[in-house]
Amino acid sequence: MTHDASDEPDALEPPGGADPILEDCLADALGPYLGALSPDEIEDYRRLLTIFIKTHPVAAPLYDRLRARPPVPSESGEVAREASSQRAGGPAAGEAAAARRDGTFGGRR
């Protein structure tokens, strides 16, 4: 008696479509072989790698950590930071060092 798994829904497939992190991993792994393997072989390797990434004791926690990260913004630009001038030794840090008269820049020794 054989079991045909192609009739069952894939339990490892995320609800609502493809996972972009998993798709990036699969594209990186299978990209060099797209011209050398048949579409059926590529699909078999996609299934194998998906199961590996989501269930292997070492790979699964790494995958979960990647999924938990906030998304990377698609545009570059300036990001506001609190008290960045003080951390970089800005005017407030220089004034504080001058008030201490200890000769350090930014209060560091």
N, C-alpha and C. Protein backbone atom coordinates (compact mmCIF):
# COMPACT_ATOMS: atom_id res chain seq x y z
N MET A 1 0.84 -1.18 0.00
CA MET A 1 0.00 0.00 0.00
C MET A 1 0.89 1.24 0.00
N THR A 2 0.64 2.15 -0.92
CA THR A 2 1.42 3.38 -0.99
C THR A 2 0.55 4.56 -0.58
N HIS A 3 1.22 5.61 -0.20
CA HIS A 3 0.53 6.81 0.24
C HIS A 3 0.93 7.95 -0.68
N ASP A 4 -0.06 8.60 -1.28
CA ASP A 4 0.22 9.72 -2.16
C ASP A 4 -0.03 11.02 -1.40
N ALA A 5 1.05 11.70 -1.00
CA ALA A 5 0.94 12.92 -0.21
C ALA A 5 0.54 14.12 -1.04
N SER A 6 0.53 14.00 -2.36
CA SER A 6 0.20 15.15 -3.21
C SER A 6 -1.27 15.53 -3.12
N ASP A 7 -2.13 14.63 -2.61
CA ASP A 7 -3.55 14.95 -2.49
C ASP A 7 -3.88 15.70 -1.20
N GLU A 8 -2.94 15.75 -0.27
CA GLU A 8 -3.17 16.40 1.01
C GLU A 8 -2.63 17.82 0.98
N PRO A 9 -3.29 18.73 1.72
CA PRO A 9 -2.73 20.08 1.80
C PRO A 9 -1.42 20.06 2.56
N ASP A 10 -0.52 20.95 2.19
CA ASP A 10 0.79 21.00 2.83
C ASP A 10 0.67 21.66 4.20
N ALA A 11 0.92 20.90 5.26
CA ALA A 11 0.79 21.41 6.62
C ALA A 11 1.87 22.43 6.95
N LEU A 12 2.95 22.44 6.20
CA LEU A 12 4.03 23.38 6.48
C LEU A 12 3.88 24.69 5.73
N GLU A 13 2.91 24.80 4.89
CA GLU A 13 2.68 26.01 4.10
C GLU A 13 2.01 27.06 4.99
N PRO A 14 2.52 28.28 5.06
CA PRO A 14 1.90 29.29 5.92
C PRO A 14 0.53 29.68 5.39
N PRO A 15 -0.40 30.01 6.28
CA PRO A 15 -1.72 30.41 5.82
C PRO A 15 -1.65 31.73 5.07
N GLY A 16 -2.39 31.86 4.01
CA GLY A 16 -2.46 33.11 3.27
C GLY A 16 -1.36 33.30 2.25
N GLY A 17 -0.60 32.29 1.92
CA GLY A 17 0.39 32.44 0.86
C GLY A 17 1.80 32.13 1.30
N ALA A 18 2.73 32.55 0.46
CA ALA A 18 4.14 32.22 0.66
C ALA A 18 4.77 33.11 1.72
N ASP A 19 5.72 32.55 2.42
CA ASP A 19 6.49 33.26 3.43
C ASP A 19 7.70 33.89 2.73
N PRO A 20 7.86 35.21 2.78
CA PRO A 20 8.97 35.84 2.05
C PRO A 20 10.34 35.42 2.55
N ILE A 21 10.48 35.15 3.84
CA ILE A 21 11.78 34.71 4.38
C ILE A 21 12.13 33.34 3.83
N LEU A 22 11.16 32.45 3.85
CA LEU A 22 11.38 31.10 3.33
C LEU A 22 11.64 31.16 1.82
N GLU A 23 10.90 31.99 1.11
CA GLU A 23 11.10 32.11 -0.33
C GLU A 23 12.51 32.62 -0.65
N ASP A 24 13.02 33.56 0.13
CA ASP A 24 14.39 34.05 -0.07
C ASP A 24 15.41 32.95 0.17
N CYS A 25 15.20 32.17 1.23
CA CYS A 25 16.11 31.05 1.52
C CYS A 25 16.10 30.03 0.38
N LEU A 26 14.92 29.71 -0.11
CA LEU A 26 14.81 28.73 -1.20
C LEU A 26 15.41 29.27 -2.48
N ALA A 27 15.20 30.54 -2.76
CA ALA A 27 15.77 31.14 -3.97
C ALA A 27 17.29 31.12 -3.92
N ASP A 28 17.86 31.43 -2.75
CA ASP A 28 19.31 31.39 -2.60
C ASP A 28 19.86 29.98 -2.78
N ALA A 29 19.17 29.00 -2.20
CA ALA A 29 19.65 27.62 -2.26
C ALA A 29 19.48 27.00 -3.64
N LEU A 30 18.36 27.27 -4.28
CA LEU A 30 18.05 26.59 -5.54
C LEU A 30 18.39 27.39 -6.78
N GLY A 31 18.68 28.66 -6.64
CA GLY A 31 18.98 29.52 -7.79
C GLY A 31 20.03 28.96 -8.74
N PRO A 32 21.17 28.48 -8.23
CA PRO A 32 22.20 27.96 -9.14
C PRO A 32 21.77 26.71 -9.92
N TYR A 33 20.70 26.05 -9.49
CA TYR A 33 20.31 24.79 -10.12
C TYR A 33 19.08 24.91 -11.00
N LEU A 34 18.54 26.10 -11.17
CA LEU A 34 17.31 26.26 -11.94
C LEU A 34 17.45 25.78 -13.39
N GLY A 35 18.59 26.00 -13.99
CA GLY A 35 18.79 25.57 -15.36
C GLY A 35 19.18 24.11 -15.50
N ALA A 36 19.68 23.52 -14.41
CA ALA A 36 20.19 22.15 -14.47
C ALA A 36 19.15 21.10 -14.07
N LEU A 37 18.16 21.48 -13.27
CA LEU A 37 17.16 20.52 -12.79
C LEU A 37 15.82 20.74 -13.46
N SER A 38 15.05 19.67 -13.53
CA SER A 38 13.71 19.77 -14.11
C SER A 38 12.79 20.48 -13.12
N PRO A 39 11.67 21.01 -13.57
CA PRO A 39 10.72 21.65 -12.65
C PRO A 39 10.24 20.71 -11.54
N ASP A 40 10.07 19.44 -11.85
CA ASP A 40 9.66 18.48 -10.83
C ASP A 40 10.75 18.31 -9.76
N GLU A 41 12.01 18.25 -10.20
CA GLU A 41 13.11 18.13 -9.25
C GLU A 41 13.23 19.38 -8.38
N ILE A 42 13.06 20.54 -8.99
CA ILE A 42 13.10 21.79 -8.23
C ILE A 42 12.00 21.79 -7.16
N GLU A 43 10.81 21.37 -7.54
CA GLU A 43 9.69 21.32 -6.58
C GLU A 43 9.97 20.33 -5.46
N ASP A 44 10.57 19.19 -5.80
CA ASP A 44 10.93 18.21 -4.77
C ASP A 44 11.94 18.80 -3.78
N TYR A 45 12.95 19.50 -4.32
CA TYR A 45 13.94 20.12 -3.44
C TYR A 45 13.33 21.26 -2.63
N ARG A 46 12.39 22.00 -3.20
CA ARG A 46 11.70 23.05 -2.43
C ARG A 46 10.98 22.44 -1.22
N ARG A 47 10.28 21.33 -1.45
CA ARG A 47 9.57 20.66 -0.35
C ARG A 47 10.57 20.18 0.72
N LEU A 48 11.65 19.54 0.27
CA LEU A 48 12.65 19.03 1.19
C LEU A 48 13.26 20.16 2.03
N LEU A 49 13.66 21.25 1.38
CA LEU A 49 14.27 22.36 2.09
C LEU A 49 13.28 23.06 3.02
N THR A 50 12.03 23.14 2.62
CA THR A 50 11.00 23.74 3.47
C THR A 50 10.84 22.93 4.76
N ILE A 51 10.76 21.63 4.61
CA ILE A 51 10.63 20.76 5.79
C ILE A 51 11.88 20.89 6.66
N PHE A 52 13.06 20.90 6.03
CA PHE A 52 14.31 21.01 6.78
C PHE A 52 14.36 22.31 7.57
N ILE A 53 14.07 23.43 6.92
CA ILE A 53 14.17 24.74 7.57
C ILE A 53 13.18 24.86 8.73
N LYS A 54 12.00 24.29 8.57
CA LYS A 54 10.96 24.45 9.59
C LYS A 54 11.00 23.41 10.70
N THR A 55 11.74 22.29 10.51
CA THR A 55 11.69 21.24 11.52
C THR A 55 13.04 20.82 12.10
N HIS A 56 14.14 21.14 11.44
CA HIS A 56 15.46 20.73 11.93
C HIS A 56 15.75 21.42 13.26
N PRO A 57 16.31 20.69 14.24
CA PRO A 57 16.54 21.28 15.57
C PRO A 57 17.45 22.51 15.58
N VAL A 58 18.31 22.66 14.60
CA VAL A 58 19.17 23.83 14.54
C VAL A 58 18.56 24.91 13.64
N ALA A 59 18.03 24.52 12.50
CA ALA A 59 17.50 25.49 11.54
C ALA A 59 16.19 26.13 12.00
N ALA A 60 15.32 25.38 12.64
CA ALA A 60 13.99 25.90 13.02
C ALA A 60 14.08 27.10 13.97
N PRO A 61 14.91 27.07 15.04
CA PRO A 61 15.00 28.26 15.90
C PRO A 61 15.55 29.48 15.16
N LEU A 62 16.49 29.27 14.24
CA LEU A 62 17.03 30.40 13.46
C LEU A 62 15.95 30.99 12.57
N TYR A 63 15.17 30.13 11.94
CA TYR A 63 14.07 30.57 11.10
C TYR A 63 13.04 31.34 11.93
N ASP A 64 12.72 30.83 13.12
CA ASP A 64 11.75 31.51 13.99
C ASP A 64 12.26 32.88 14.42
N ARG A 65 13.58 33.00 14.68
CA ARG A 65 14.14 34.30 15.05
C ARG A 65 14.06 35.28 13.89
N LEU A 66 14.30 34.81 12.67
CA LEU A 66 14.18 35.68 11.50
C LEU A 66 12.75 36.16 11.32
N ARG A 67 11.80 35.27 11.53
CA ARG A 67 10.39 35.65 11.37
C ARG A 67 9.94 36.64 12.44
N ALA A 68 10.56 36.59 13.62
CA ALA A 68 10.17 37.47 14.71
C ALA A 68 10.71 38.89 14.55
N ARG A 69 11.70 39.08 13.69
CA ARG A 69 12.28 40.41 13.48
C ARG A 69 11.27 41.32 12.80
N PRO A 70 11.33 42.63 13.11
CA PRO A 70 10.47 43.56 12.38
C PRO A 70 10.92 43.64 10.92
N PRO A 71 10.01 43.95 10.03
CA PRO A 71 10.37 44.02 8.61
C PRO A 71 11.38 45.13 8.35
N VAL A 72 12.24 44.90 7.39
CA VAL A 72 13.24 45.89 6.99
C VAL A 72 12.56 46.91 6.10
N PRO A 73 12.75 48.21 6.37
CA PRO A 73 12.11 49.21 5.51
C PRO A 73 12.66 49.12 4.09
N SER A 74 11.79 49.37 3.14
CA SER A 74 12.19 49.25 1.74
C SER A 74 12.91 50.50 1.24
N GLU A 75 12.85 51.59 1.99
CA GLU A 75 13.52 52.81 1.58
C GLU A 75 14.58 53.19 2.61
N SER A 76 15.63 53.81 2.14
CA SER A 76 16.63 54.29 3.07
C SER A 76 16.29 55.73 3.47
N GLY A 77 16.85 56.17 4.53
CA GLY A 77 16.59 57.53 4.98
C GLY A 77 17.13 57.75 6.37
N GLU A 78 16.89 58.94 6.89
CA GLU A 78 17.38 59.27 8.21
C GLU A 78 16.43 58.71 9.26
N VAL A 79 17.01 58.27 10.36
CA VAL A 79 16.25 57.76 11.49
C VAL A 79 16.55 58.65 12.68
N ALA A 80 15.50 59.19 13.31
CA ALA A 80 15.69 60.05 14.47
C ALA A 80 16.10 59.20 15.67
N ARG A 81 17.08 59.68 16.41
CA ARG A 81 17.54 59.00 17.61
C ARG A 81 17.53 60.00 18.76
N GLU A 82 17.21 59.51 19.93
CA GLU A 82 17.21 60.36 21.11
C GLU A 82 18.62 60.67 21.56
N ALA A 83 18.88 61.90 21.90
CA ALA A 83 20.14 62.34 22.48
C ALA A 83 21.36 61.89 21.70
N SER A 84 21.24 61.89 20.38
CA SER A 84 22.38 61.45 19.58
C SER A 84 23.56 62.41 19.70
N SER A 85 23.29 63.71 19.92
CA SER A 85 24.39 64.66 20.04
C SER A 85 25.18 64.43 21.31
N GLN A 86 24.53 63.96 22.38
CA GLN A 86 25.25 63.69 23.63
C GLN A 86 26.10 62.44 23.50
N ARG A 87 25.58 61.40 22.82
CA ARG A 87 26.36 60.17 22.66
C ARG A 87 27.57 60.41 21.77
N ALA A 88 27.42 61.29 20.80
CA ALA A 88 28.51 61.53 19.86
C ALA A 88 29.48 62.59 20.36
N GLY A 89 29.28 63.04 21.61
CA GLY A 89 30.18 64.07 22.13
C GLY A 89 29.80 65.45 21.64
N GLY A 90 28.50 65.70 21.48
CA GLY A 90 28.00 66.98 20.99
C GLY A 90 28.20 68.08 22.00
N PRO A 91 27.54 69.23 21.78
CA PRO A 91 27.76 70.39 22.63
C PRO A 91 27.46 70.13 24.10
N ALA A 92 26.41 69.41 24.40
CA ALA A 92 26.05 69.16 25.80
C ALA A 92 27.13 68.34 26.50
N ALA A 93 27.71 67.38 25.81
CA ALA A 93 28.76 66.55 26.39
C ALA A 93 30.02 67.38 26.62
N GLY A 94 30.34 68.25 25.68
CA GLY A 94 31.52 69.10 25.82
C GLY A 94 31.38 70.07 26.98
N GLU A 95 30.17 70.63 27.15
CA GLU A 95 29.92 71.54 28.26
C GLU A 95 30.05 70.81 29.59
N ALA A 96 29.55 69.58 29.64
CA ALA A 96 29.63 68.80 30.88
C ALA A 96 31.08 68.51 31.23
N ALA A 97 31.91 68.18 30.22
CA ALA A 97 33.32 67.91 30.48
C ALA A 97 34.04 69.17 30.94
N ALA A 98 33.70 70.31 30.34
CA ALA A 98 34.33 71.58 30.73
C ALA A 98 33.95 71.93 32.16
N ALA A 99 32.72 71.64 32.54
CA ALA A 99 32.28 71.94 33.90
C ALA A 99 33.02 71.06 34.91
N ARG A 100 33.35 69.83 34.53
CA ARG A 100 34.09 68.94 35.43
C ARG A 100 35.57 69.27 35.47
N ARG A 101 36.06 69.89 34.41
CA ARG A 101 37.48 70.24 34.26
C ARG A 101 38.39 69.03 34.46
N ASP A 102 37.94 67.88 33.91
CA ASP A 102 38.78 66.69 34.05
C ASP A 102 39.55 66.38 32.77
N GLY A 103 39.39 67.22 31.74
CA GLY A 103 40.15 67.05 30.52
C GLY A 103 39.68 65.96 29.58
N THR A 104 38.57 65.34 29.90
CA THR A 104 38.06 64.29 29.02
C THR A 104 37.07 64.88 28.04
N PHE A 105 36.95 64.23 26.91
CA PHE A 105 35.97 64.64 25.91
C PHE A 105 34.75 63.76 26.03
N GLY A 106 33.61 64.34 26.28
CA GLY A 106 32.39 63.57 26.41
C GLY A 106 32.27 62.85 27.74
N GLY A 107 33.12 63.16 28.67
CA GLY A 107 33.04 62.54 29.99
C GLY A 107 33.61 61.13 30.04
N ARG A 108 34.34 60.73 28.99
CA ARG A 108 34.91 59.37 28.96
C ARG A 108 36.34 59.41 29.47
N ARG A 109 36.74 58.41 30.13
CA ARG A 109 38.12 58.33 30.63
C ARG A 109 38.83 57.17 30.03
